[in-house]
PDB file of all heavy atoms in Angstrom:
ATOM      1  N   GLY A   1      16.595  19.747  11.981  1.00  0.00           N
ATOM      2  CA  GLY A   1      17.470  18.626  12.373  1.00  0.00           C
ATOM      3  C   GLY A   1      18.668  18.556  11.488  1.00  0.00           C
ATOM      4  O   GLY A   1      18.951  19.420  10.612  1.00  0.00           O
ATOM      5  N   ASN A   2      19.429  17.482  11.642  1.00  0.00           N
ATOM      6  CA  ASN A   2      20.633  17.265  10.852  1.00  0.00           C
ATOM      7  C   ASN A   2      20.289  17.009   9.408  1.00  0.00           C
ATOM      8  O   ASN A   2      19.289  16.310   9.114  1.00  0.00           O
ATOM      9  CB  ASN A   2      21.429  16.070  11.457  1.00  0.00           C
ATOM     10  CG  ASN A   2      21.946  16.351  12.825  1.00  0.00           C
ATOM     11  OD1 ASN A   2      22.309  17.471  13.155  1.00  0.00           O
ATOM     12  ND2 ASN A   2      22.010  15.319  13.658  1.00  0.00           N
ATOM     13  N   PRO A   3      21.106  17.494   8.469  1.00  0.00           N
ATOM     14  CA  PRO A   3      20.810  17.319   7.033  1.00  0.00           C
ATOM     15  C   PRO A   3      21.036  15.881   6.590  1.00  0.00           C
ATOM     16  O   PRO A   3      21.858  15.173   7.131  1.00  0.00           O
ATOM     17  CB  PRO A   3      21.758  18.263   6.367  1.00  0.00           C
ATOM     18  CG  PRO A   3      22.897  18.434   7.348  1.00  0.00           C
ATOM     19  CD  PRO A   3      22.304  18.315   8.678  1.00  0.00           C
ATOM     20  N   ARG A   4      20.261  15.461   5.601  1.00  0.00           N
ATOM     21  CA  ARG A   4      20.437  14.179   4.985  1.00  0.00           C
ATOM     22  C   ARG A   4      20.710  14.378   3.508  1.00  0.00           C
ATOM     23  O   ARG A   4      19.955  15.024   2.801  1.00  0.00           O
ATOM     24  CB  ARG A   4      19.204  13.285   5.153  1.00  0.00           C
ATOM     25  CG  ARG A   4      19.249  12.019   4.345  1.00  0.00           C
ATOM     26  CD  ARG A   4      18.418  10.933   4.911  1.00  0.00           C
ATOM     27  NE  ARG A   4      18.623   9.682   4.198  1.00  0.00           N
ATOM     28  CZ  ARG A   4      18.494   8.488   4.693  1.00  0.00           C
ATOM     29  NH1 ARG A   4      18.121   8.386   5.943  1.00  0.00           N
ATOM     30  NH2 ARG A   4      18.677   7.427   3.982  1.00  0.00           N
ATOM     31  N   GLN A   5      21.785  13.809   3.047  1.00  0.00           N
ATOM     32  CA  GLN A   5      22.215  13.949   1.662  1.00  0.00           C
ATOM     33  C   GLN A   5      21.297  13.188   0.727  1.00  0.00           C
ATOM     34  O   GLN A   5      20.869  12.079   1.029  1.00  0.00           O
ATOM     35  CB  GLN A   5      23.646  13.503   1.471  1.00  0.00           C
ATOM     36  CG  GLN A   5      24.676  14.255   2.290  1.00  0.00           C
ATOM     37  CD  GLN A   5      24.859  15.709   1.831  1.00  0.00           C
ATOM     38  OE1 GLN A   5      24.720  16.008   0.653  1.00  0.00           O
ATOM     39  NE2 GLN A   5      25.143  16.569   2.781  1.00  0.00           N
ATOM     40  N   ILE A   6      20.988  13.781  -0.424  1.00  0.00           N
ATOM     41  CA  ILE A   6      20.247  13.105  -1.481  1.00  0.00           C
ATOM     42  C   ILE A   6      21.187  12.927  -2.655  1.00  0.00           C
ATOM     43  O   ILE A   6      21.398  13.795  -3.478  1.00  0.00           O
ATOM     44  CB  ILE A   6      19.027  13.945  -1.943  1.00  0.00           C
ATOM     45  CG1 ILE A   6      18.193  14.424  -0.722  1.00  0.00           C
ATOM     46  CG2 ILE A   6      18.163  13.134  -2.907  1.00  0.00           C
ATOM     47  CD1 ILE A   6      17.602  13.286   0.111  1.00  0.00           C
ATOM     48  N   VAL A   7      21.847  11.736  -2.684  1.00  0.00           N
ATOM     49  CA  VAL A   7      22.865  11.495  -3.689  1.00  0.00           C
ATOM     50  C   VAL A   7      22.233  11.079  -5.020  1.00  0.00           C
ATOM     51  O   VAL A   7      22.614  11.594  -6.066  1.00  0.00           O
ATOM     52  CB  VAL A   7      23.848  10.408  -3.186  1.00  0.00           C
ATOM     53  CG1 VAL A   7      24.888  10.100  -4.277  1.00  0.00           C
ATOM     54  CG2 VAL A   7      24.519  10.852  -1.910  1.00  0.00           C
ATOM     55  N   SER A   8      21.293  10.198  -4.963  1.00  0.00           N
ATOM     56  CA  SER A   8      20.590   9.753  -6.193  1.00  0.00           C
ATOM     57  C   SER A   8      19.106   9.781  -5.974  1.00  0.00           C
ATOM     58  O   SER A   8      18.429  10.732  -6.353  1.00  0.00           O
ATOM     59  CB  SER A   8      21.076   8.406  -6.637  1.00  0.00           C
ATOM     60  OG  SER A   8      20.899   7.453  -5.551  1.00  0.00           O
ATOM     61  N   GLY A   9      18.585   8.767  -5.309  1.00  0.00           N
ATOM     62  CA  GLY A   9      17.155   8.733  -5.017  1.00  0.00           C
ATOM     63  C   GLY A   9      16.892   8.289  -3.566  1.00  0.00           C
ATOM     64  O   GLY A   9      17.539   7.380  -3.064  1.00  0.00           O
ATOM     65  N   VAL A  10      15.973   8.961  -2.914  1.00  0.00           N
ATOM     66  CA  VAL A  10      15.597   8.660  -1.522  1.00  0.00           C
ATOM     67  C   VAL A  10      14.072   8.628  -1.440  1.00  0.00           C
ATOM     68  O   VAL A  10      13.411   9.612  -1.754  1.00  0.00           O
ATOM     69  CB  VAL A  10      16.176   9.660  -0.531  1.00  0.00           C
ATOM     70  CG1 VAL A  10      15.612   9.446   0.875  1.00  0.00           C
ATOM     71  CG2 VAL A  10      17.708   9.584  -0.527  1.00  0.00           C
ATOM     72  N   SER A  11      13.517   7.500  -0.997  1.00  0.00           N
ATOM     73  CA  SER A  11      12.102   7.419  -0.808  1.00  0.00           C
ATOM     74  C   SER A  11      11.729   7.630   0.651  1.00  0.00           C
ATOM     75  O   SER A  11      12.519   7.376   1.561  1.00  0.00           O
ATOM     76  CB  SER A  11      11.577   6.024  -1.258  1.00  0.00           C
ATOM     77  OG  SER A  11      12.244   4.993  -0.546  1.00  0.00           O
ATOM     78  N   ILE A  12      10.504   8.138   0.895  1.00  0.00           N
ATOM     79  CA  ILE A  12      10.012   8.459   2.224  1.00  0.00           C
ATOM     80  C   ILE A  12       8.660   7.799   2.377  1.00  0.00           C
ATOM     81  O   ILE A  12       7.794   7.860   1.489  1.00  0.00           O
ATOM     82  CB  ILE A  12       9.912   9.969   2.473  1.00  0.00           C
ATOM     83  CG1 ILE A  12      11.203  10.682   2.150  1.00  0.00           C
ATOM     84  CG2 ILE A  12       9.499  10.252   3.910  1.00  0.00           C
ATOM     85  CD1 ILE A  12      11.101  12.176   2.216  1.00  0.00           C
ATOM     86  N   GLY A  13       8.445   7.129   3.533  1.00  0.00           N
ATOM     87  CA  GLY A  13       7.134   6.505   3.770  1.00  0.00           C
ATOM     88  C   GLY A  13       7.083   5.809   5.118  1.00  0.00           C
ATOM     89  O   GLY A  13       7.952   6.032   5.978  1.00  0.00           O
ATOM     90  N   ARG A  14       6.132   4.918   5.262  1.00  0.00           N
ATOM     91  CA  ARG A  14       5.970   4.191   6.508  1.00  0.00           C
ATOM     92  C   ARG A  14       6.854   2.931   6.581  1.00  0.00           C
ATOM     93  O   ARG A  14       7.274   2.501   7.638  1.00  0.00           O
ATOM     94  CB  ARG A  14       4.514   3.729   6.704  1.00  0.00           C
ATOM     95  CG  ARG A  14       3.561   4.891   7.016  1.00  0.00           C
ATOM     96  CD  ARG A  14       2.205   4.365   7.413  1.00  0.00           C
ATOM     97  NE  ARG A  14       2.229   3.740   8.739  1.00  0.00           N
ATOM     98  CZ  ARG A  14       1.205   3.082   9.278  1.00  0.00           C
ATOM     99  NH1 ARG A  14       0.083   2.972   8.600  1.00  0.00           N
ATOM    100  NH2 ARG A  14       1.312   2.571  10.456  1.00  0.00           N
ATOM    101  N   ALA A  15       7.119   2.338   5.392  1.00  0.00           N
ATOM    102  CA  ALA A  15       7.897   1.089   5.414  1.00  0.00           C
ATOM    103  C   ALA A  15       8.593   0.908   4.086  1.00  0.00           C
ATOM    104  O   ALA A  15       8.140   1.444   3.035  1.00  0.00           O
ATOM    105  CB  ALA A  15       6.951  -0.108   5.683  1.00  0.00           C
ATOM    106  N   ASN A  16       9.699   0.163   4.087  1.00  0.00           N
ATOM    107  CA  ASN A  16      10.451  -0.225   2.869  1.00  0.00           C
ATOM    108  C   ASN A  16      10.948   1.026   2.139  1.00  0.00           C
ATOM    109  O   ASN A  16      10.966   1.047   0.887  1.00  0.00           O
ATOM    110  CB  ASN A  16       9.546  -1.074   1.958  1.00  0.00           C
ATOM    111  CG  ASN A  16       9.032  -2.335   2.621  1.00  0.00           C
ATOM    112  OD1 ASN A  16       9.787  -3.022   3.322  1.00  0.00           O
ATOM    113  ND2 ASN A  16       7.791  -2.631   2.411  1.00  0.00           N
ATOM    114  N   CYS A  17      11.364   2.025   2.865  1.00  0.00           N
ATOM    115  CA  CYS A  17      11.888   3.277   2.275  1.00  0.00           C
ATOM    116  C   CYS A  17      13.289   3.581   2.891  1.00  0.00           C
ATOM    117  O   CYS A  17      13.613   3.051   3.936  1.00  0.00           O
ATOM    118  CB  CYS A  17      10.964   4.431   2.500  1.00  0.00           C
ATOM    119  SG  CYS A  17       9.354   4.266   1.641  1.00  0.00           S
ATOM    120  N   GLU A  18      14.015   4.473   2.262  1.00  0.00           N
ATOM    121  CA  GLU A  18      15.268   4.935   2.863  1.00  0.00           C
ATOM    122  C   GLU A  18      14.992   5.782   4.124  1.00  0.00           C
ATOM    123  O   GLU A  18      15.773   5.744   5.077  1.00  0.00           O
ATOM    124  CB  GLU A  18      16.029   5.751   1.851  1.00  0.00           C
ATOM    125  CG  GLU A  18      16.771   4.961   0.770  1.00  0.00           C
ATOM    126  CD  GLU A  18      15.813   4.434  -0.242  1.00  0.00           C
ATOM    127  OE1 GLU A  18      14.781   5.075  -0.506  1.00  0.00           O
ATOM    128  OE2 GLU A  18      16.117   3.361  -0.841  1.00  0.00           O
ATOM    129  N   ILE A  19      13.860   6.492   4.161  1.00  0.00           N
ATOM    130  CA  ILE A  19      13.463   7.216   5.361  1.00  0.00           C
ATOM    131  C   ILE A  19      12.094   6.713   5.762  1.00  0.00           C
ATOM    132  O   ILE A  19      11.133   6.888   5.025  1.00  0.00           O
ATOM    133  CB  ILE A  19      13.407   8.741   5.088  1.00  0.00           C
ATOM    134  CG1 ILE A  19      14.776   9.250   4.624  1.00  0.00           C
ATOM    135  CG2 ILE A  19      12.945   9.481   6.351  1.00  0.00           C
ATOM    136  CD1 ILE A  19      14.792  10.710   4.266  1.00  0.00           C
ATOM    137  N   ASN A  20      12.015   6.048   6.920  1.00  0.00           N
ATOM    138  CA  ASN A  20      10.774   5.415   7.348  1.00  0.00           C
ATOM    139  C   ASN A  20      10.215   6.068   8.615  1.00  0.00           C
ATOM    140  O   ASN A  20      10.981   6.412   9.519  1.00  0.00           O
ATOM    141  CB  ASN A  20      11.029   3.931   7.638  1.00  0.00           C
ATOM    142  CG  ASN A  20      11.367   3.115   6.394  1.00  0.00           C
ATOM    143  OD1 ASN A  20      10.669   3.138   5.426  1.00  0.00           O
ATOM    144  ND2 ASN A  20      12.486   2.415   6.461  1.00  0.00           N
ATOM    145  N   TYR A  21       8.915   6.242   8.633  1.00  0.00           N
ATOM    146  CA  TYR A  21       8.192   6.691   9.822  1.00  0.00           C
ATOM    147  C   TYR A  21       7.042   5.716  10.072  1.00  0.00           C
ATOM    148  O   TYR A  21       5.861   6.028   9.721  1.00  0.00           O
ATOM    149  CB  TYR A  21       7.658   8.109   9.614  1.00  0.00           C
ATOM    150  CG  TYR A  21       8.750   9.117   9.376  1.00  0.00           C
ATOM    151  CD1 TYR A  21       9.046   9.546   8.064  1.00  0.00           C
ATOM    152  CD2 TYR A  21       9.432   9.716  10.427  1.00  0.00           C
ATOM    153  CE1 TYR A  21      10.023  10.488   7.862  1.00  0.00           C
ATOM    154  CE2 TYR A  21      10.422  10.656  10.199  1.00  0.00           C
ATOM    155  CZ  TYR A  21      10.711  11.061   8.911  1.00  0.00           C
ATOM    156  OH  TYR A  21      11.708  11.984   8.691  1.00  0.00           O
ATOM    157  N   PRO A  22       7.317   4.565  10.712  1.00  0.00           N
ATOM    158  CA  PRO A  22       6.291   3.538  10.841  1.00  0.00           C
ATOM    159  C   PRO A  22       5.130   3.940  11.741  1.00  0.00           C
ATOM    160  O   PRO A  22       4.039   3.328  11.678  1.00  0.00           O
ATOM    161  CB  PRO A  22       7.068   2.367  11.453  1.00  0.00           C
ATOM    162  CG  PRO A  22       8.262   2.981  12.078  1.00  0.00           C
ATOM    163  CD  PRO A  22       8.618   4.171  11.225  1.00  0.00           C
ATOM    164  N   GLN A  23       5.295   4.988  12.558  1.00  0.00           N
ATOM    165  CA  GLN A  23       4.220   5.388  13.492  1.00  0.00           C
ATOM    166  C   GLN A  23       3.349   6.522  12.934  1.00  0.00           C
ATOM    167  O   GLN A  23       2.417   6.960  13.611  1.00  0.00           O
ATOM    168  CB  GLN A  23       4.847   5.874  14.796  1.00  0.00           C
ATOM    169  CG  GLN A  23       5.763   4.856  15.470  1.00  0.00           C
ATOM    170  CD  GLN A  23       5.084   3.540  15.751  1.00  0.00           C
ATOM    171  OE1 GLN A  23       3.916   3.486  16.141  1.00  0.00           O
ATOM    172  NE2 GLN A  23       5.782   2.433  15.499  1.00  0.00           N
ATOM    173  N   ASP A  24       3.599   6.958  11.712  1.00  0.00           N
ATOM    174  CA  ASP A  24       2.819   8.030  11.129  1.00  0.00           C
ATOM    175  C   ASP A  24       1.653   7.485  10.335  1.00  0.00           C
ATOM    176  O   ASP A  24       1.834   6.981   9.225  1.00  0.00           O
ATOM    177  CB  ASP A  24       3.715   8.868  10.227  1.00  0.00           C
ATOM    178  CG  ASP A  24       3.026  10.139   9.758  1.00  0.00           C
ATOM    179  OD1 ASP A  24       1.761  10.221   9.812  1.00  0.00           O
ATOM    180  OD2 ASP A  24       3.717  11.099   9.332  1.00  0.00           O
ATOM    181  N   PRO A  25       0.433   7.607  10.833  1.00  0.00           N
ATOM    182  CA  PRO A  25      -0.706   6.949  10.138  1.00  0.00           C
ATOM    183  C   PRO A  25      -1.106   7.647   8.849  1.00  0.00           C
ATOM    184  O   PRO A  25      -1.861   7.094   8.058  1.00  0.00           O
ATOM    185  CB  PRO A  25      -1.852   7.077  11.179  1.00  0.00           C
ATOM    186  CG  PRO A  25      -1.475   8.270  12.013  1.00  0.00           C
ATOM    187  CD  PRO A  25       0.023   8.271  12.070  1.00  0.00           C
ATOM    188  N   ARG A  26      -0.649   8.867   8.633  1.00  0.00           N
ATOM    189  CA  ARG A  26      -0.977   9.591   7.413  1.00  0.00           C
ATOM    190  C   ARG A  26      -0.090   9.265   6.234  1.00  0.00           C
ATOM    191  O   ARG A  26      -0.339   9.733   5.102  1.00  0.00           O
ATOM    192  CB  ARG A  26      -0.971  11.109   7.660  1.00  0.00           C
ATOM    193  CG  ARG A  26      -2.015  11.574   8.647  1.00  0.00           C
ATOM    194  CD  ARG A  26      -2.075  13.085   8.739  1.00  0.00           C
ATOM    195  NE  ARG A  26      -3.144  13.565   9.583  1.00  0.00           N
ATOM    196  CZ  ARG A  26      -3.410  14.852   9.809  1.00  0.00           C
ATOM    197  NH1 ARG A  26      -2.693  15.795   9.214  1.00  0.00           N
ATOM    198  NH2 ARG A  26      -4.402  15.189  10.626  1.00  0.00           N
ATOM    199  N   LEU A  27       0.965   8.512   6.462  1.00  0.00           N
ATOM    200  CA  LEU A  27       1.879   8.148   5.423  1.00  0.00           C
ATOM    201  C   LEU A  27       1.477   6.862   4.752  1.00  0.00           C
ATOM    202  O   LEU A  27       1.045   5.905   5.405  1.00  0.00           O
ATOM    203  CB  LEU A  27       3.303   8.053   5.934  1.00  0.00           C
ATOM    204  CG  LEU A  27       4.030   9.328   6.316  1.00  0.00           C
ATOM    205  CD1 LEU A  27       5.442   8.987   6.791  1.00  0.00           C
ATOM    206  CD2 LEU A  27       4.079  10.308   5.166  1.00  0.00           C
ATOM    207  N   SER A  28       1.673   6.760   3.425  1.00  0.00           N
ATOM    208  CA  SER A  28       1.558   5.484   2.734  1.00  0.00           C
ATOM    209  C   SER A  28       2.905   4.756   2.912  1.00  0.00           C
ATOM    210  O   SER A  28       3.919   5.388   3.265  1.00  0.00           O
ATOM    211  CB  SER A  28       1.245   5.695   1.245  1.00  0.00           C
ATOM    212  OG  SER A  28       0.005   6.376   1.082  1.00  0.00           O
ATOM    213  N   ASP A  29       2.905   3.453   2.609  1.00  0.00           N
ATOM    214  CA  ASP A  29       4.135   2.679   2.792  1.00  0.00           C
ATOM    215  C   ASP A  29       5.285   3.308   1.989  1.00  0.00           C
ATOM    216  O   ASP A  29       6.354   3.527   2.523  1.00  0.00           O
ATOM    217  CB  ASP A  29       3.943   1.237   2.395  1.00  0.00           C
ATOM    218  CG  ASP A  29       3.163   0.443   3.445  1.00  0.00           C
ATOM    219  OD1 ASP A  29       2.953   0.981   4.562  1.00  0.00           O
ATOM    220  OD2 ASP A  29       2.770  -0.692   3.163  1.00  0.00           O
ATOM    221  N   ARG A  30       5.029   3.552   0.742  1.00  0.00           N
ATOM    222  CA  ARG A  30       5.994   4.315  -0.105  1.00  0.00           C
ATOM    223  C   ARG A  30       5.262   5.577  -0.542  1.00  0.00           C
ATOM    224  O   ARG A  30       4.419   5.521  -1.445  1.00  0.00           O
ATOM    225  CB  ARG A  30       6.467   3.486  -1.289  1.00  0.00           C
ATOM    226  CG  ARG A  30       7.480   2.389  -0.888  1.00  0.00           C
ATOM    227  CD  ARG A  30       7.925   1.582  -2.076  1.00  0.00           C
ATOM    228  NE  ARG A  30       8.486   2.401  -3.151  1.00  0.00           N
ATOM    229  CZ  ARG A  30       9.732   2.879  -3.184  1.00  0.00           C
ATOM    230  NH1 ARG A  30      10.552   2.589  -2.173  1.00  0.00           N
ATOM    231  NH2 ARG A  30      10.173   3.601  -4.175  1.00  0.00           N
ATOM    232  N   HIS A  31       5.560   6.684   0.091  1.00  0.00           N
ATOM    233  CA  HIS A  31       4.761   7.889  -0.038  1.00  0.00           C
ATOM    234  C   HIS A  31       5.288   8.838  -1.097  1.00  0.00           C
ATOM    235  O   HIS A  31       4.534   9.333  -1.931  1.00  0.00           O
ATOM    236  CB  HIS A  31       4.679   8.590   1.338  1.00  0.00           C
ATOM    237  CG  HIS A  31       3.639   9.623   1.448  1.00  0.00           C
ATOM    238  ND1 HIS A  31       2.482   9.443   2.191  1.00  0.00           N
ATOM    239  CD2 HIS A  31       3.535  10.868   0.920  1.00  0.00           C
ATOM    240  CE1 HIS A  31       1.708  10.527   2.107  1.00  0.00           C
ATOM    241  NE2 HIS A  31       2.355  11.406   1.334  1.00  0.00           N
ATOM    242  N   ALA A  32       6.591   9.154  -1.029  1.00  0.00           N
ATOM    243  CA  ALA A  32       7.160  10.137  -1.938  1.00  0.00           C
ATOM    244  C   ALA A  32       8.619   9.756  -2.277  1.00  0.00           C
ATOM    245  O   ALA A  32       9.203   8.935  -1.544  1.00  0.00           O
ATOM    246  CB  ALA A  32       7.118  11.556  -1.330  1.00  0.00           C
ATOM    247  N   LEU A  33       9.131  10.368  -3.333  1.00  0.00           N
ATOM    248  CA  LEU A  33      10.473  10.067  -3.803  1.00  0.00           C
ATOM    249  C   LEU A  33      11.200  11.318  -4.153  1.00  0.00           C
ATOM    250  O   LEU A  33      10.675  12.186  -4.883  1.00  0.00           O
ATOM    251  CB  LEU A  33      10.440   9.163  -5.043  1.00  0.00           C
ATOM    252  CG  LEU A  33      11.786   8.795  -5.665  1.00  0.00           C
ATOM    253  CD1 LEU A  33      12.589   7.912  -4.719  1.00  0.00           C
ATOM    254  CD2 LEU A  33      11.564   8.095  -7.017  1.00  0.00           C
ATOM    255  N   LEU A  34      12.448  11.481  -3.612  1.00  0.00           N
ATOM    256  CA  LEU A  34      13.354  12.559  -3.977  1.00  0.00           C
ATOM    257  C   LEU A  34      14.370  12.011  -4.929  1.00  0.00           C
ATOM    258  O   LEU A  34      14.973  10.983  -4.677  1.00  0.00           O
ATOM    259  CB  LEU A  34      13.999  13.166  -2.742  1.00  0.00           C
ATOM    260  CG  LEU A  34      13.131  13.993  -1.816  1.00  0.00           C
ATOM    261  CD1 LEU A  34      13.740  14.073  -0.432  1.00  0.00           C
ATOM    262  CD2 LEU A  34      12.921  15.397  -2.395  1.00  0.00           C
ATOM    263  N   SER A  35      14.625  12.719  -6.042  1.00  0.00           N
ATOM    264  CA  SER A  35      15.562  12.230  -7.079  1.00  0.00           C
ATOM    265  C   SER A  35      16.536  13.327  -7.434  1.00  0.00           C
ATOM    266  O   SER A  35      16.110  14.430  -7.788  1.00  0.00           O
ATOM    267  CB  SER A  35      14.809  11.797  -8.330  1.00  0.00           C
ATOM    268  OG  SER A  35      13.888  10.778  -8.071  1.00  0.00           O
ATOM    269  N   ASN A  36      17.806  13.043  -7.321  1.00  0.00           N
ATOM    270  CA  ASN A  36      18.875  13.936  -7.724  1.00  0.00           C
ATOM    271  C   ASN A  36      19.408  13.420  -9.066  1.00  0.00           C
ATOM    272  O   ASN A  36      20.098  12.419  -9.143  1.00  0.00           O
ATOM    273  CB  ASN A  36      20.001  13.929  -6.659  1.00  0.00           C
ATOM    274  CG  ASN A  36      21.105  14.898  -6.973  1.00  0.00           C
ATOM    275  OD1 ASN A  36      21.248  15.409  -8.098  1.00  0.00           O
ATOM    276  ND2 ASN A  36      21.957  15.179  -5.971  1.00  0.00           N
ATOM    277  N   ARG A  37      19.055  14.154 -10.138  1.00  0.00           N
ATOM    278  CA  ARG A  37      19.461  13.708 -11.468  1.00  0.00           C
ATOM    279  C   ARG A  37      19.602  14.929 -12.388  1.00  0.00           C
ATOM    280  O   ARG A  37      18.895  15.900 -12.224  1.00  0.00           O
ATOM    281  CB  ARG A  37      18.504  12.697 -12.074  1.00  0.00           C
ATOM    282  CG  ARG A  37      17.115  13.218 -12.382  1.00  0.00           C
ATOM    283  CD  ARG A  37      16.215  12.146 -12.990  1.00  0.00           C
ATOM    284  NE  ARG A  37      14.986  12.679 -13.495  1.00  0.00           N
ATOM    285  CZ  ARG A  37      13.875  12.844 -12.826  1.00  0.00           C
ATOM    286  NH1 ARG A  37      13.817  12.433 -11.523  1.00  0.00           N
ATOM    287  NH2 ARG A  37      12.788  13.352 -13.401  1.00  0.00           N
ATOM    288  N   GLU A  38      20.547  14.843 -13.306  1.00  0.00           N
ATOM    289  CA  GLU A  38      20.762  15.872 -14.318  1.00  0.00           C
ATOM    290  C   GLU A  38      20.971  17.266 -13.694  1.00  0.00           C
ATOM    291  O   GLU A  38      20.547  18.262 -14.243  1.00  0.00           O
ATOM    292  CB  GLU A  38      19.581  15.889 -15.313  1.00  0.00           C
ATOM    293  CG  GLU A  38      19.390  14.558 -16.032  1.00  0.00           C
ATOM    294  CD  GLU A  38      18.114  14.541 -16.865  1.00  0.00           C
ATOM    295  OE1 GLU A  38      17.341  15.509 -16.779  1.00  0.00           O
ATOM    296  OE2 GLU A  38      17.925  13.553 -17.574  1.00  0.00           O
ATOM    297  N   GLY A  39      21.605  17.293 -12.545  1.00  0.00           N
ATOM    298  CA  GLY A  39      21.863  18.573 -11.890  1.00  0.00           C
ATOM    299  C   GLY A  39      20.676  19.236 -11.300  1.00  0.00           C
ATOM    300  O   GLY A  39      20.683  20.450 -11.067  1.00  0.00           O
ATOM    301  N   LYS A  40      19.604  18.482 -11.014  1.00  0.00           N
ATOM    302  CA  LYS A  40      18.383  19.038 -10.431  1.00  0.00           C
ATOM    303  C   LYS A  40      17.863  18.072  -9.389  1.00  0.00           C
ATOM    304  O   LYS A  40      18.168  16.882  -9.371  1.00  0.00           O
ATOM    305  CB  LYS A  40      17.335  19.275 -11.503  1.00  0.00           C
ATOM    306  CG  LYS A  40      17.723  20.231 -12.579  1.00  0.00           C
ATOM    307  CD  LYS A  40      16.652  20.373 -13.654  1.00  0.00           C
ATOM    308  CE  LYS A  40      17.077  21.329 -14.736  1.00  0.00           C
ATOM    309  NZ  LYS A  40      16.051  21.457 -15.808  1.00  0.00           N
ATOM    310  N   LEU A  41      17.031  18.612  -8.478  1.00  0.00           N
ATOM    311  CA  LEU A  41      16.371  17.802  -7.452  1.00  0.00           C
ATOM    312  C   LEU A  41      14.879  17.812  -7.681  1.00  0.00           C
ATOM    313  O   LEU A  41      14.276  18.865  -7.860  1.00  0.00           O
ATOM    314  CB  LEU A  41      16.685  18.337  -6.045  1.00  0.00           C
ATOM    315  CG  LEU A  41      16.150  17.496  -4.867  1.00  0.00           C
ATOM    316  CD1 LEU A  41      16.823  16.145  -4.827  1.00  0.00           C
ATOM    317  CD2 LEU A  41      16.350  18.249  -3.551  1.00  0.00           C
ATOM    318  N   PHE A  42      14.293  16.589  -7.720  1.00  0.00           N
ATOM    319  CA  PHE A  42      12.896  16.468  -8.029  1.00  0.00           C
ATOM    320  C   PHE A  42      12.146  15.786  -6.859  1.00  0.00           C
ATOM    321  O   PHE A  42      12.719  14.943  -6.170  1.00  0.00           O
ATOM    322  CB  PHE A  42      12.656  15.628  -9.284  1.00  0.00           C
ATOM    323  CG  PHE A  42      13.229  16.223 -10.531  1.00  0.00           C
ATOM    324  CD1 PHE A  42      14.547  15.917 -10.926  1.00  0.00           C
ATOM    325  CD2 PHE A  42      12.504  17.101 -11.271  1.00  0.00           C
ATOM    326  CE1 PHE A  42      15.094  16.476 -12.090  1.00  0.00           C
ATOM    327  CE2 PHE A  42      13.035  17.694 -12.446  1.00  0.00           C
ATOM    328  CZ  PHE A  42      14.326  17.360 -12.820  1.00  0.00           C
ATOM    329  N   LEU A  43      10.895  16.152  -6.687  1.00  0.00           N
ATOM    330  CA  LEU A  43      10.023  15.537  -5.670  1.00  0.00           C
ATOM    331  C   LEU A  43       8.824  14.979  -6.385  1.00  0.00           C
ATOM    332  O   LEU A  43       8.104  15.655  -7.137  1.00  0.00           O
ATOM    333  CB  LEU A  43       9.572  16.599  -4.628  1.00  0.00           C
ATOM    334  CG  LEU A  43       8.535  16.139  -3.632  1.00  0.00           C
ATOM    335  CD1 LEU A  43       9.064  15.023  -2.718  1.00  0.00           C
ATOM    336  CD2 LEU A  43       8.067  17.346  -2.812  1.00  0.00           C
ATOM    337  N   ALA A  44       8.519  13.696  -6.144  1.00  0.00           N
ATOM    338  CA  ALA A  44       7.387  13.042  -6.751  1.00  0.00           C
ATOM    339  C   ALA A  44       6.536  12.346  -5.666  1.00  0.00           C
ATOM    340  O   ALA A  44       7.088  11.770  -4.742  1.00  0.00           O
ATOM    341  CB  ALA A  44       7.841  11.976  -7.788  1.00  0.00           C
TER     342      ALA A  44
END
């Protein structure tokens, strides 16, 4: 699909995130976090 920029931090989950998938039962409300810092990209 279309790219999404990660400028600083982007969270992914079912609710209360920058990227939400409310219909996905396998996701926690706040599931994971992408962080762009110090010239690197991190996934937590």
